[in-house]
Each structure stands twice: as C-alpha cells, then as structure tokens.
Amino acid sequence: MTLFEEITAVQSPEASREALAAVEAKFGMVPNVAKVLAAHPGTLKAYLAMRDALGDDPLGGGDAEAVALTVSAYNGCTYCIGAHSGAAMRYGSDDEEIALNLKGDSKTPRRQAFTALVLRMMEKQGAVPEEEVEEFRRDGLAPEDFIAAAGWVATNVLTNFVNRLAKTEPDFG
C-alpha cells in the first residue's frame, strides 16, 4: 500500500505541473518518485534544482550513481536501489561494480574513496573523524569533493526517505 494514490500531472498541485513537465521532457516519462514529490511543489522543485546543480560537478555520472547506491542501500530504499542500478549500468557499471557500490566500495580507486567516504558520512551522520578525513585526502579527495559528496548524500537521503515513507511503486527495470 502506498501513502499516495498515483499522482498525475493533472492531479498534482498547479505549482508542480511545470516541474513535472520538465521531468517528462528530460526522461520521456515522469518517474513515480517525482509524482510523489509533486504533492509538495517546493520539495519537488528543490530536489530537481539540487540534482541539476550537482550534475555538473566532478562527481556527476557514474560516480554519482555509485554514491546514490551506497546511500540507498544504507537507508534500505529499494525504489532508489532499482532506479540507480539501472542508471549505473547506463554509465558502464556492471553487476559486480553495483554490488560493491551497495556496500560503499568500488573497483576503481577514486570511486572507492567516494563511496567509502559516503558510507562513513552516513554511519557518523556527517561527523567523520579527522584522522579518517585525512586518510580520504591521502586517497586523492580534495576539500570540494567532501562538499560534493555531502550534496549528493543530502539529495539521495531526501528521495530515500520520501520513497520509504510513501512506499513508492518501482517504475524502473
């Protein structure tokens, strides 16, 4: 049972309709997560703005999907795990890489540093011990990488919590 009946563009609040139209133009569909977020126009718009802004940083693409998988697995969001697994595959990840990402790991050193950092951020609610921060810096992460990781964590936690609360029906294969 979901928290909300399926919301369509016609049923959504007027203030959400333009954002939903933009989502549909970008993806060729409106994912169920966007339909649920549309119940509160400000949250939908904030989520989309943050995703768009973060998409241009060095952690975009496959690395962002790896981070999303780590966060989603930690939070137990099956909707997001499914959606980000498919997206990660489109960026070239294989089943082994996805399985590693779900555990905060990776086959590649830079992605491994990001996913491990994100897992520690989740476990420590952002308060990663200084000695661990220094270790991540030795692994090649710069100060801006920590902030980008925090931005991606915040974006994914939002959808994880909404989808778990709403029991959003999967729509990605």
Protein backbone atom coordinates (compact mmCIF):
# COMPACT_ATOMS: atom_id res chain seq x y z
CA MET A 1 0.00 0.00 0.00
CA THR A 2 1.39 3.37 -0.95
CA LEU A 3 0.92 6.55 1.04
CA PHE A 4 -0.41 8.34 -2.03
CA GLU A 5 -2.54 7.28 -4.93
CA GLU A 6 -0.62 7.68 -8.17
CA ILE A 7 -0.40 11.39 -8.84
CA THR A 8 -0.62 12.57 -12.42
CA ALA A 9 0.25 15.99 -13.80
CA VAL A 10 -3.44 16.83 -13.92
CA GLN A 11 -3.97 15.83 -10.27
CA SER A 12 -0.80 17.46 -8.96
CA PRO A 13 -0.84 20.91 -7.42
CA GLU A 14 -0.70 23.62 -10.05
CA ALA A 15 2.72 24.72 -8.76
CA SER A 16 4.18 21.24 -9.50
CA ARG A 17 2.95 20.90 -13.08
CA GLU A 18 5.71 22.86 -14.82
CA ALA A 19 8.40 20.88 -12.96
CA LEU A 20 6.69 17.58 -13.81
CA ALA A 21 6.55 18.62 -17.48
CA ALA A 22 10.30 19.32 -17.38
CA VAL A 23 10.94 15.90 -15.83
CA GLU A 24 8.87 14.23 -18.54
CA ALA A 25 10.72 16.14 -21.26
CA LYS A 26 14.07 15.03 -19.82
CA PHE A 27 13.25 11.36 -19.16
CA GLY A 28 10.38 10.68 -21.56
CA MET A 29 8.25 9.78 -18.52
CA VAL A 30 7.52 11.02 -15.03
CA PRO A 31 9.12 8.63 -12.53
CA ASN A 32 6.95 7.71 -9.57
CA VAL A 33 9.33 9.46 -7.19
CA ALA A 34 8.63 12.76 -8.98
CA LYS A 35 4.89 12.09 -8.78
CA VAL A 36 5.16 11.61 -5.03
CA LEU A 37 7.39 14.66 -4.57
CA ALA A 38 4.83 16.68 -6.59
CA ALA A 39 2.49 16.58 -3.59
CA HIS A 40 4.66 19.38 -2.17
CA PRO A 41 5.77 21.68 -5.02
CA GLY A 42 8.61 23.28 -3.05
CA THR A 43 10.19 19.92 -2.24
CA LEU A 44 9.89 18.76 -5.85
CA LYS A 45 11.45 21.97 -7.14
CA ALA A 46 14.23 21.90 -4.53
CA TYR A 47 15.07 18.28 -5.36
CA LEU A 48 15.17 18.94 -9.11
CA ALA A 49 17.26 22.10 -8.68
CA MET A 50 19.76 20.28 -6.47
CA ARG A 51 20.01 17.33 -8.89
CA ASP A 52 20.57 19.69 -11.80
CA ALA A 53 23.17 21.75 -9.95
CA LEU A 54 25.09 18.71 -8.72
CA GLY A 55 25.01 17.06 -12.13
CA ASP A 56 27.65 19.49 -13.37
CA ASP A 57 30.21 18.78 -10.66
CA PRO A 58 33.11 16.30 -10.79
CA LEU A 59 31.00 13.69 -9.01
CA GLY A 60 28.41 13.51 -11.77
CA GLY A 61 27.56 10.48 -13.90
CA GLY A 62 28.67 7.04 -12.80
CA ASP A 63 30.29 8.28 -9.61
CA ALA A 64 27.06 9.98 -8.55
CA GLU A 65 25.16 6.75 -9.23
CA ALA A 66 27.67 4.83 -7.09
CA VAL A 67 27.12 7.30 -4.26
CA ALA A 68 23.34 7.00 -4.72
CA LEU A 69 23.61 3.22 -4.47
CA THR A 70 25.67 3.44 -1.28
CA VAL A 71 23.24 5.87 0.35
CA SER A 72 20.16 3.97 -0.83
CA ALA A 73 21.46 0.63 0.43
CA TYR A 74 22.36 2.15 3.80
CA ASN A 75 18.84 3.59 4.07
CA GLY A 76 17.14 0.46 2.73
CA CYS A 77 15.39 2.24 -0.16
CA THR A 78 14.54 -0.48 -2.67
CA TYR A 79 12.94 2.01 -5.08
CA CYS A 80 16.18 4.02 -5.29
CA ILE A 81 18.39 0.92 -5.46
CA GLY A 82 16.47 -0.24 -8.52
CA ALA A 83 16.45 3.16 -10.19
CA HIS A 84 20.15 3.86 -9.56
CA SER A 85 21.24 0.34 -10.52
CA GLY A 86 19.74 0.87 -13.96
CA ALA A 87 21.31 4.31 -14.25
CA ALA A 88 24.70 2.99 -13.12
CA MET A 89 24.55 0.33 -15.85
CA ARG A 90 23.84 3.04 -18.42
CA TYR A 91 27.06 4.72 -17.23
CA GLY A 92 29.01 1.48 -17.73
CA SER A 93 28.86 -0.21 -14.32
CA ASP A 94 28.45 -3.97 -14.27
CA ASP A 95 26.73 -6.19 -11.69
CA GLU A 96 29.97 -6.58 -9.70
CA GLU A 97 30.52 -2.82 -9.50
CA ILE A 98 26.92 -2.24 -8.44
CA ALA A 99 27.20 -4.91 -5.73
CA LEU A 100 30.35 -3.19 -4.44
CA ASN A 101 28.69 0.25 -4.53
CA LEU A 102 25.83 -1.08 -2.42
CA LYS A 103 28.44 -1.81 0.27
CA GLY A 104 30.30 1.51 -0.05
CA ASP A 105 33.05 0.09 -2.24
CA SER A 106 34.20 0.10 -5.87
CA LYS A 107 36.67 -1.50 -8.27
CA THR A 108 38.19 1.90 -9.12
CA PRO A 109 40.27 3.88 -6.58
CA ARG A 110 38.58 7.30 -6.90
CA ARG A 111 35.06 5.89 -6.83
CA GLN A 112 36.06 3.65 -3.94
CA ALA A 113 37.21 6.72 -2.00
CA PHE A 114 33.90 8.49 -2.68
CA THR A 115 31.69 5.55 -1.77
CA ALA A 116 33.71 4.79 1.37
CA LEU A 117 33.50 8.45 2.40
CA VAL A 118 29.76 8.50 1.81
CA LEU A 119 29.27 5.33 3.85
CA ARG A 120 31.24 6.87 6.75
CA MET A 121 29.23 10.09 6.42
CA MET A 122 26.04 8.06 6.73
CA GLU A 123 27.33 5.97 9.64
CA LYS A 124 28.66 9.02 11.50
CA GLN A 125 25.83 11.39 10.49
CA GLY A 126 28.40 13.61 8.83
CA ALA A 127 30.85 13.68 11.75
CA VAL A 128 33.66 11.72 10.08
CA PRO A 129 36.68 11.66 12.43
CA GLU A 130 39.56 13.93 11.45
CA GLU A 131 42.00 11.04 11.01
CA GLU A 132 39.61 9.43 8.53
CA VAL A 133 39.20 12.72 6.66
CA GLU A 134 42.99 12.86 6.33
CA GLU A 135 43.02 9.29 5.03
CA PHE A 136 40.43 10.17 2.38
CA ARG A 137 42.58 13.17 1.41
CA ARG A 138 45.57 10.83 1.00
CA ASP A 139 43.31 8.73 -1.24
CA GLY A 140 43.01 11.77 -3.52
CA LEU A 141 39.88 13.54 -2.34
CA ALA A 142 40.07 17.34 -2.22
CA PRO A 143 38.01 19.57 0.10
CA GLU A 144 35.48 20.29 -2.66
CA ASP A 145 34.98 16.53 -3.11
CA PHE A 146 33.82 16.23 0.51
CA ILE A 147 31.27 19.00 -0.04
CA ALA A 148 30.08 17.46 -3.33
CA ALA A 149 29.69 14.11 -1.57
CA ALA A 150 27.62 15.79 1.16
CA GLY A 151 25.41 17.37 -1.51
CA TRP A 152 24.79 14.03 -3.18
CA VAL A 153 24.12 12.40 0.20
CA ALA A 154 21.52 15.06 1.03
CA THR A 155 19.82 14.69 -2.35
CA ASN A 156 19.64 10.91 -2.07
CA VAL A 157 18.55 10.88 1.57
CA LEU A 158 15.60 13.07 0.57
CA THR A 159 14.35 10.61 -2.04
CA ASN A 160 15.20 7.59 0.12
CA PHE A 161 13.08 8.90 2.97
CA VAL A 162 10.21 10.00 0.74
CA ASN A 163 10.14 6.68 -1.11
CA ARG A 164 10.29 4.63 2.08
CA LEU A 165 7.56 6.74 3.68
CA ALA A 166 5.33 6.65 0.59
CA LYS A 167 6.19 3.05 -0.35
CA THR A 168 6.69 4.32 -3.88
CA GLU A 169 5.99 1.68 -6.51
CA PRO A 170 9.07 0.82 -8.63
CA ASP A 171 8.91 2.00 -12.22
CA PHE A 172 12.46 1.38 -13.37
CA GLY A 173 13.54 -2.03 -14.61
